[in-house]
Amino acid sequence: IQGDPYRLAQNPWALQGKLMRIDVDSRSGSRPYGIPADNPFATQPQWRPEIWALGLRNVWGLAFDPATGLLWAADVGQDFWEEINVLHPGGNYGWSDRDGPGPFSRHHGSRALADSTPPFTDPVHAYSRLHGDGLCIIGGFVYRGKAMPALSGHYLFGDWAMGALWALELDPTADSPRALRRHRLLPPAASAGINPPVIAADAGGEPLVLSQNGWVLRLESIAD
């Protein structure tokens, strides 16, 4: 529901607004799947044990970085922000108390739950809809291919509404992911009409961009 008026994404007994982790090869009780014993809330009776992370609005693109094992996610915002997160077990990414890096102003009344949630985890990167950068983030992956060494370790992503493709440069010296700057990979004229719903790696780790018009595109070089 628009605005999450019932604050379900922060409700520990609701599955909305969560990333869930289940074991499809086992069974727990009457469930048609198993609950991994190391799920962060598996032994806490006030939480649904399937929950692995919470506070997510509309994740569009999940990808593990094969070099670090970190799970990257792009989360589509509601009014003002699009954001990129690295998801950790038990992490709370803010929705619907926050949208992007700041508080979310509710347009519908809702009764706040008890203040028992863990601290919020900030996005690695966020961009505002107010600056014309985009309206709907599309998550990609951390590039580990060979053809474009200048992109090594960059998180590749795009925006469906604007047709933009970006590389997020990360600080290689930081203990946890920290964004340095964002590079546009294609000039606006070259990206017109792409509107990517999917950005993924091929078998060799090179970027493939699916376009809403039916194209499958390969990114081969960085525009000057």
C-alpha atoms as a PDB file:
ATOM      1  CA  ILE A   1       0.000   0.000   0.000  1.00  0.00           C
ATOM      2  CA  GLN A   2       1.245   3.490  -0.842  1.00  0.00           C
ATOM      3  CA  GLY A   3       3.142   4.922   2.119  1.00  0.00           C
ATOM      4  CA  ASP A   4       2.971   1.706   4.189  1.00  0.00           C
ATOM      5  CA  PRO A   5       0.302   3.251   6.452  1.00  0.00           C
ATOM      6  CA  TYR A   6       0.299   0.254   8.790  1.00  0.00           C
ATOM      7  CA  ARG A   7       4.117   0.306   9.063  1.00  0.00           C
ATOM      8  CA  LEU A   8       4.332  -3.348   8.051  1.00  0.00           C
ATOM      9  CA  ALA A   9       7.930  -3.077   6.882  1.00  0.00           C
ATOM     10  CA  GLN A  10       8.940  -2.458  10.525  1.00  0.00           C
ATOM     11  CA  ASN A  11       6.519  -5.027  11.992  1.00  0.00           C
ATOM     12  CA  PRO A  12       8.491  -8.099  13.168  1.00  0.00           C
ATOM     13  CA  TRP A  13       5.479 -10.365  12.620  1.00  0.00           C
ATOM     14  CA  ALA A  14       4.706  -9.269   9.040  1.00  0.00           C
ATOM     15  CA  LEU A  15       6.608 -10.460   5.979  1.00  0.00           C
ATOM     16  CA  GLN A  16       5.981  -7.310   3.948  1.00  0.00           C
ATOM     17  CA  GLY A  17       9.053  -5.137   3.471  1.00  0.00           C
ATOM     18  CA  LYS A  18      11.439  -7.968   4.368  1.00  0.00           C
ATOM     19  CA  LEU A  19      14.101 -10.115   2.779  1.00  0.00           C
ATOM     20  CA  MET A  20      13.380 -13.716   3.705  1.00  0.00           C
ATOM     21  CA  ARG A  21      15.715 -16.710   3.848  1.00  0.00           C
ATOM     22  CA  ILE A  22      14.293 -20.224   3.777  1.00  0.00           C
ATOM     23  CA  ASP A  23      15.534 -23.756   3.144  1.00  0.00           C
ATOM     24  CA  VAL A  24      13.543 -25.391   0.342  1.00  0.00           C
ATOM     25  CA  ASP A  25      15.100 -28.804   1.041  1.00  0.00           C
ATOM     26  CA  SER A  26      13.727 -29.207   4.566  1.00  0.00           C
ATOM     27  CA  ARG A  27      10.549 -28.587   6.577  1.00  0.00           C
ATOM     28  CA  SER A  28       9.990 -26.742   9.853  1.00  0.00           C
ATOM     29  CA  GLY A  29       6.756 -27.695  11.575  1.00  0.00           C
ATOM     30  CA  SER A  30       3.769 -27.279   9.251  1.00  0.00           C
ATOM     31  CA  ARG A  31       5.636 -24.964   6.889  1.00  0.00           C
ATOM     32  CA  PRO A  32       6.358 -26.254   3.366  1.00  0.00           C
ATOM     33  CA  TYR A  33       9.968 -25.102   3.844  1.00  0.00           C
ATOM     34  CA  GLY A  34      12.624 -25.042   6.526  1.00  0.00           C
ATOM     35  CA  ILE A  35      13.977 -22.211   8.677  1.00  0.00           C
ATOM     36  CA  PRO A  36      17.794 -22.024   8.634  1.00  0.00           C
ATOM     37  CA  ALA A  37      19.045 -22.247  12.198  1.00  0.00           C
ATOM     38  CA  ASP A  38      21.339 -19.247  11.723  1.00  0.00           C
ATOM     39  CA  ASN A  39      18.612 -16.868  10.546  1.00  0.00           C
ATOM     40  CA  PRO A  40      19.007 -13.742  12.716  1.00  0.00           C
ATOM     41  CA  PHE A  41      15.548 -13.999  14.317  1.00  0.00           C
ATOM     42  CA  ALA A  42      15.064 -17.784  14.201  1.00  0.00           C
ATOM     43  CA  THR A  43      14.919 -18.154  17.995  1.00  0.00           C
ATOM     44  CA  GLN A  44      13.086 -14.915  18.849  1.00  0.00           C
ATOM     45  CA  PRO A  45       9.369 -15.633  19.394  1.00  0.00           C
ATOM     46  CA  GLN A  46       8.289 -12.057  18.633  1.00  0.00           C
ATOM     47  CA  TRP A  47       9.759 -12.281  15.100  1.00  0.00           C
ATOM     48  CA  ARG A  48       8.851 -14.285  12.021  1.00  0.00           C
ATOM     49  CA  PRO A  49      11.810 -16.660  11.711  1.00  0.00           C
ATOM     50  CA  GLU A  50      11.915 -16.357   7.911  1.00  0.00           C
ATOM     51  CA  ILE A  51      13.093 -12.736   8.146  1.00  0.00           C
ATOM     52  CA  TRP A  52      16.725 -12.096   7.246  1.00  0.00           C
ATOM     53  CA  ALA A  53      16.601  -8.291   6.841  1.00  0.00           C
ATOM     54  CA  LEU A  54      13.859  -5.665   7.117  1.00  0.00           C
ATOM     55  CA  GLY A  55      12.901  -2.104   6.283  1.00  0.00           C
ATOM     56  CA  LEU A  56      12.861  -2.586   2.496  1.00  0.00           C
ATOM     57  CA  ARG A  57      10.336  -0.990   0.169  1.00  0.00           C
ATOM     58  CA  ASN A  58      10.637  -2.413  -3.356  1.00  0.00           C
ATOM     59  CA  VAL A  59      13.938  -4.171  -3.997  1.00  0.00           C
ATOM     60  CA  TRP A  60      14.723  -4.298  -7.718  1.00  0.00           C
ATOM     61  CA  GLY A  61      17.922  -6.234  -8.222  1.00  0.00           C
ATOM     62  CA  LEU A  62      19.801  -8.491  -5.809  1.00  0.00           C
ATOM     63  CA  ALA A  63      23.345  -9.700  -6.480  1.00  0.00           C
ATOM     64  CA  PHE A  64      26.141 -11.259  -4.473  1.00  0.00           C
ATOM     65  CA  ASP A  65      29.650  -9.941  -5.070  1.00  0.00           C
ATOM     66  CA  PRO A  66      31.697 -13.104  -5.723  1.00  0.00           C
ATOM     67  CA  ALA A  67      34.862 -11.445  -4.421  1.00  0.00           C
ATOM     68  CA  THR A  68      33.491 -10.373  -1.028  1.00  0.00           C
ATOM     69  CA  GLY A  69      30.293 -12.381  -0.568  1.00  0.00           C
ATOM     70  CA  LEU A  70      28.349  -9.174   0.152  1.00  0.00           C
ATOM     71  CA  LEU A  71      24.724  -8.992  -0.977  1.00  0.00           C
ATOM     72  CA  TRP A  72      23.898  -5.800  -2.893  1.00  0.00           C
ATOM     73  CA  ALA A  73      20.363  -4.513  -3.388  1.00  0.00           C
ATOM     74  CA  ALA A  74      18.778  -1.527  -5.094  1.00  0.00           C
ATOM     75  CA  ASP A  75      15.589  -0.321  -3.407  1.00  0.00           C
ATOM     76  CA  VAL A  76      13.034   1.771  -5.289  1.00  0.00           C
ATOM     77  CA  GLY A  77      11.842   4.708  -3.208  1.00  0.00           C
ATOM     78  CA  GLN A  78       8.464   6.356  -2.958  1.00  0.00           C
ATOM     79  CA  ASP A  79       8.592  10.140  -3.182  1.00  0.00           C
ATOM     80  CA  PHE A  80      12.118  11.528  -3.267  1.00  0.00           C
ATOM     81  CA  TRP A  81      14.886   8.904  -3.043  1.00  0.00           C
ATOM     82  CA  GLU A  82      16.355   5.867  -4.800  1.00  0.00           C
ATOM     83  CA  GLU A  83      18.925   3.896  -2.821  1.00  0.00           C
ATOM     84  CA  ILE A  84      21.576   1.182  -2.888  1.00  0.00           C
ATOM     85  CA  ASN A  85      22.169  -1.031   0.135  1.00  0.00           C
ATOM     86  CA  VAL A  86      24.446  -3.840   1.197  1.00  0.00           C
ATOM     87  CA  LEU A  87      22.221  -6.265   3.081  1.00  0.00           C
ATOM     88  CA  HIS A  88      23.394  -7.943   6.270  1.00  0.00           C
ATOM     89  CA  PRO A  89      21.577 -10.477   8.477  1.00  0.00           C
ATOM     90  CA  GLY A  90      19.314  -8.634  10.886  1.00  0.00           C
ATOM     91  CA  GLY A  91      19.872  -5.286   9.140  1.00  0.00           C
ATOM     92  CA  ASN A  92      17.110  -2.675   9.248  1.00  0.00           C
ATOM     93  CA  TYR A  93      17.135  -0.420   6.172  1.00  0.00           C
ATOM     94  CA  GLY A  94      14.601   2.076   7.383  1.00  0.00           C
ATOM     95  CA  TRP A  95      11.420   1.866   5.332  1.00  0.00           C
ATOM     96  CA  SER A  96       8.865   3.128   6.145  1.00  0.00           C
ATOM     97  CA  ASP A  97      10.326   5.252   8.943  1.00  0.00           C
ATOM     98  CA  ARG A  98      12.897   6.441   6.430  1.00  0.00           C
ATOM     99  CA  ASP A  99      13.026   6.836   2.661  1.00  0.00           C
ATOM    100  CA  GLY A 100      16.598   7.040   1.398  1.00  0.00           C
ATOM    101  CA  PRO A 101      18.970   8.748   3.835  1.00  0.00           C
ATOM    102  CA  GLY A 102      16.315  10.780   5.640  1.00  0.00           C
ATOM    103  CA  PRO A 103      13.029  10.418   7.525  1.00  0.00           C
ATOM    104  CA  PHE A 104       9.866   9.564   5.619  1.00  0.00           C
ATOM    105  CA  SER A 105       6.967  11.978   6.042  1.00  0.00           C
ATOM    106  CA  ARG A 106       3.822   9.935   6.349  1.00  0.00           C
ATOM    107  CA  HIS A 107       0.765  11.014   4.427  1.00  0.00           C
ATOM    108  CA  HIS A 108      -1.490   8.622   6.302  1.00  0.00           C
ATOM    109  CA  GLY A 109      -1.957   8.284  10.022  1.00  0.00           C
ATOM    110  CA  SER A 110      -0.511   5.177  11.596  1.00  0.00           C
ATOM    111  CA  ARG A 111       0.039   3.945  15.088  1.00  0.00           C
ATOM    112  CA  ALA A 112       3.745   3.615  15.816  1.00  0.00           C
ATOM    113  CA  LEU A 113       4.904   0.277  17.160  1.00  0.00           C
ATOM    114  CA  ALA A 114       7.006  -0.029  20.263  1.00  0.00           C
ATOM    115  CA  ASP A 115      10.478   1.368  19.694  1.00  0.00           C
ATOM    116  CA  SER A 116      12.219  -2.012  19.720  1.00  0.00           C
ATOM    117  CA  THR A 117      13.768  -2.022  16.261  1.00  0.00           C
ATOM    118  CA  PRO A 118      17.553  -2.123  15.819  1.00  0.00           C
ATOM    119  CA  PRO A 119      19.401   0.952  14.541  1.00  0.00           C
ATOM    120  CA  PHE A 120      18.856   1.783  10.885  1.00  0.00           C
ATOM    121  CA  THR A 121      21.573   0.989   8.337  1.00  0.00           C
ATOM    122  CA  ASP A 122      22.325   3.863   5.975  1.00  0.00           C
ATOM    123  CA  PRO A 123      22.367   3.350   2.201  1.00  0.00           C
ATOM    124  CA  VAL A 124      25.739   3.010   0.517  1.00  0.00           C
ATOM    125  CA  HIS A 125      24.429   5.497  -2.046  1.00  0.00           C
ATOM    126  CA  ALA A 126      21.199   7.378  -2.722  1.00  0.00           C
ATOM    127  CA  TYR A 127      20.104   9.854  -5.365  1.00  0.00           C
ATOM    128  CA  SER A 128      17.214  12.266  -5.297  1.00  0.00           C
ATOM    129  CA  ARG A 129      14.346  12.356  -7.757  1.00  0.00           C
ATOM    130  CA  LEU A 130      14.318  16.127  -7.378  1.00  0.00           C
ATOM    131  CA  HIS A 131      17.592  16.565  -9.283  1.00  0.00           C
ATOM    132  CA  GLY A 132      16.518  14.794 -12.460  1.00  0.00           C
ATOM    133  CA  ASP A 133      18.791  11.783 -11.924  1.00  0.00           C
ATOM    134  CA  GLY A 134      15.993   9.260 -12.123  1.00  0.00           C
ATOM    135  CA  LEU A 135      12.743   7.878 -10.770  1.00  0.00           C
ATOM    136  CA  CYS A 136      13.174   4.103 -10.532  1.00  0.00           C
ATOM    137  CA  ILE A 137      16.506   2.492  -9.665  1.00  0.00           C
ATOM    138  CA  ILE A 138      17.470  -0.828 -11.278  1.00  0.00           C
ATOM    139  CA  GLY A 139      20.041  -2.820  -9.378  1.00  0.00           C
ATOM    140  CA  GLY A 140      22.946  -4.535 -11.086  1.00  0.00           C
ATOM    141  CA  PHE A 141      26.101  -6.076  -9.661  1.00  0.00           C
ATOM    142  CA  VAL A 142      29.680  -5.419  -8.605  1.00  0.00           C
ATOM    143  CA  TYR A 143      31.791  -5.752 -11.737  1.00  0.00           C
ATOM    144  CA  ARG A 144      34.504  -8.416 -11.554  1.00  0.00           C
ATOM    145  CA  GLY A 145      34.958  -9.012 -15.291  1.00  0.00           C
ATOM    146  CA  LYS A 146      38.148  -8.740 -17.347  1.00  0.00           C
ATOM    147  CA  ALA A 147      37.196  -6.663 -20.394  1.00  0.00           C
ATOM    148  CA  MET A 148      36.936  -3.299 -18.593  1.00  0.00           C
ATOM    149  CA  PRO A 149      39.543  -3.158 -15.804  1.00  0.00           C
ATOM    150  CA  ALA A 150      38.673   0.492 -15.067  1.00  0.00           C
ATOM    151  CA  LEU A 151      35.315  -0.734 -13.735  1.00  0.00           C
ATOM    152  CA  SER A 152      36.707  -3.453 -11.486  1.00  0.00           C
ATOM    153  CA  GLY A 153      35.030  -3.310  -8.079  1.00  0.00           C
ATOM    154  CA  HIS A 154      32.427  -0.757  -9.207  1.00  0.00           C
ATOM    155  CA  TYR A 155      28.735  -1.402  -8.597  1.00  0.00           C
ATOM    156  CA  LEU A 156      26.865  -1.170 -11.909  1.00  0.00           C
ATOM    157  CA  PHE A 157      23.252  -0.003 -11.844  1.00  0.00           C
ATOM    158  CA  GLY A 158      20.749   2.080 -13.774  1.00  0.00           C
ATOM    159  CA  ASP A 159      17.469   3.923 -13.720  1.00  0.00           C
ATOM    160  CA  TRP A 160      14.504   2.577 -15.644  1.00  0.00           C
ATOM    161  CA  ALA A 161      12.707   5.897 -16.074  1.00  0.00           C
ATOM    162  CA  MET A 162      15.706   7.858 -17.367  1.00  0.00           C
ATOM    163  CA  GLY A 163      17.464   5.025 -19.201  1.00  0.00           C
ATOM    164  CA  ALA A 164      20.659   5.881 -17.336  1.00  0.00           C
ATOM    165  CA  LEU A 165      23.506   3.462 -16.659  1.00  0.00           C
ATOM    166  CA  TRP A 166      25.994   4.207 -13.884  1.00  0.00           C
ATOM    167  CA  ALA A 167      29.047   2.762 -12.156  1.00  0.00           C
ATOM    168  CA  LEU A 168      29.366   3.484  -8.452  1.00  0.00           C
ATOM    169  CA  GLU A 169      33.035   3.760  -7.544  1.00  0.00           C
ATOM    170  CA  LEU A 170      33.773   2.307  -4.119  1.00  0.00           C
ATOM    171  CA  ASP A 171      36.606   3.046  -1.716  1.00  0.00           C
ATOM    172  CA  PRO A 172      38.935   0.008  -1.928  1.00  0.00           C
ATOM    173  CA  THR A 173      40.558   0.909   1.403  1.00  0.00           C
ATOM    174  CA  ALA A 174      37.328   1.007   3.441  1.00  0.00           C
ATOM    175  CA  ASP A 175      36.439  -1.860   5.779  1.00  0.00           C
ATOM    176  CA  SER A 176      32.813  -1.686   4.630  1.00  0.00           C
ATOM    177  CA  PRO A 177      31.432  -0.429   1.284  1.00  0.00           C
ATOM    178  CA  ARG A 178      31.742   3.338   0.940  1.00  0.00           C
ATOM    179  CA  ALA A 179      30.824   5.221  -2.223  1.00  0.00           C
ATOM    180  CA  LEU A 180      33.318   7.708  -3.623  1.00  0.00           C
ATOM    181  CA  ARG A 181      31.600   8.942  -6.799  1.00  0.00           C
ATOM    182  CA  ARG A 182      29.108   7.943  -9.463  1.00  0.00           C
ATOM    183  CA  HIS A 183      30.129   7.695 -13.118  1.00  0.00           C
ATOM    184  CA  ARG A 184      27.620   7.848 -15.976  1.00  0.00           C
ATOM    185  CA  LEU A 185      28.494   5.099 -18.453  1.00  0.00           C
ATOM    186  CA  LEU A 186      26.521   6.398 -21.431  1.00  0.00           C
ATOM    187  CA  PRO A 187      25.703   9.962 -22.477  1.00  0.00           C
ATOM    188  CA  PRO A 188      21.968  10.787 -22.409  1.00  0.00           C
ATOM    189  CA  ALA A 189      21.645  10.560 -26.207  1.00  0.00           C
ATOM    190  CA  ALA A 190      23.139   7.048 -26.277  1.00  0.00           C
ATOM    191  CA  SER A 191      20.926   5.765 -23.462  1.00  0.00           C
ATOM    192  CA  ALA A 192      17.661   7.154 -24.854  1.00  0.00           C
ATOM    193  CA  GLY A 193      15.040   4.428 -25.188  1.00  0.00           C
ATOM    194  CA  ILE A 194      16.923   1.761 -23.230  1.00  0.00           C
ATOM    195  CA  ASN A 195      14.779   1.811 -20.041  1.00  0.00           C
ATOM    196  CA  PRO A 196      16.540  -1.176 -18.439  1.00  0.00           C
ATOM    197  CA  PRO A 197      14.501  -3.544 -16.247  1.00  0.00           C
ATOM    198  CA  VAL A 198      17.508  -5.872 -15.729  1.00  0.00           C
ATOM    199  CA  ILE A 199      21.286  -5.369 -15.486  1.00  0.00           C
ATOM    200  CA  ALA A 200      23.161  -8.633 -15.004  1.00  0.00           C
ATOM    201  CA  ALA A 201      26.485 -10.350 -15.585  1.00  0.00           C
ATOM    202  CA  ASP A 202      27.006 -12.940 -18.316  1.00  0.00           C
ATOM    203  CA  ALA A 203      28.964 -16.154 -17.712  1.00  0.00           C
ATOM    204  CA  GLY A 204      32.232 -14.229 -17.994  1.00  0.00           C
ATOM    205  CA  GLY A 205      31.169 -11.478 -15.604  1.00  0.00           C
ATOM    206  CA  GLU A 206      30.573  -8.920 -18.384  1.00  0.00           C
ATOM    207  CA  PRO A 207      27.514  -6.615 -18.225  1.00  0.00           C
ATOM    208  CA  LEU A 208      24.316  -7.390 -20.077  1.00  0.00           C
ATOM    209  CA  VAL A 209      21.550  -4.789 -20.134  1.00  0.00           C
ATOM    210  CA  LEU A 210      18.000  -5.826 -20.955  1.00  0.00           C
ATOM    211  CA  SER A 211      15.881  -3.062 -22.447  1.00  0.00           C
ATOM    212  CA  GLN A 212      12.129  -2.772 -22.171  1.00  0.00           C
ATOM    213  CA  ASN A 213      11.879  -2.582 -25.956  1.00  0.00           C
ATOM    214  CA  GLY A 214      13.188  -6.149 -26.246  1.00  0.00           C
ATOM    215  CA  TRP A 215      16.890  -5.505 -26.819  1.00  0.00           C
ATOM    216  CA  VAL A 216      19.690  -7.346 -25.041  1.00  0.00           C
ATOM    217  CA  LEU A 217      22.674  -5.021 -24.966  1.00  0.00           C
ATOM    218  CA  ARG A 218      26.299  -5.609 -24.024  1.00  0.00           C
ATOM    219  CA  LEU A 219      28.316  -2.884 -22.317  1.00  0.00           C
ATOM    220  CA  GLU A 220      31.786  -2.964 -23.806  1.00  0.00           C
ATOM    221  CA  SER A 221      33.480   0.332 -23.031  1.00  0.00           C
ATOM    222  CA  ILE A 222      33.175   3.485 -20.954  1.00  0.00           C
ATOM    223  CA  ALA A 223      32.060   6.638 -22.745  1.00  0.00           C
ATOM    224  CA  ASP A 224      34.497   9.570 -22.538  1.00  0.00           C
END
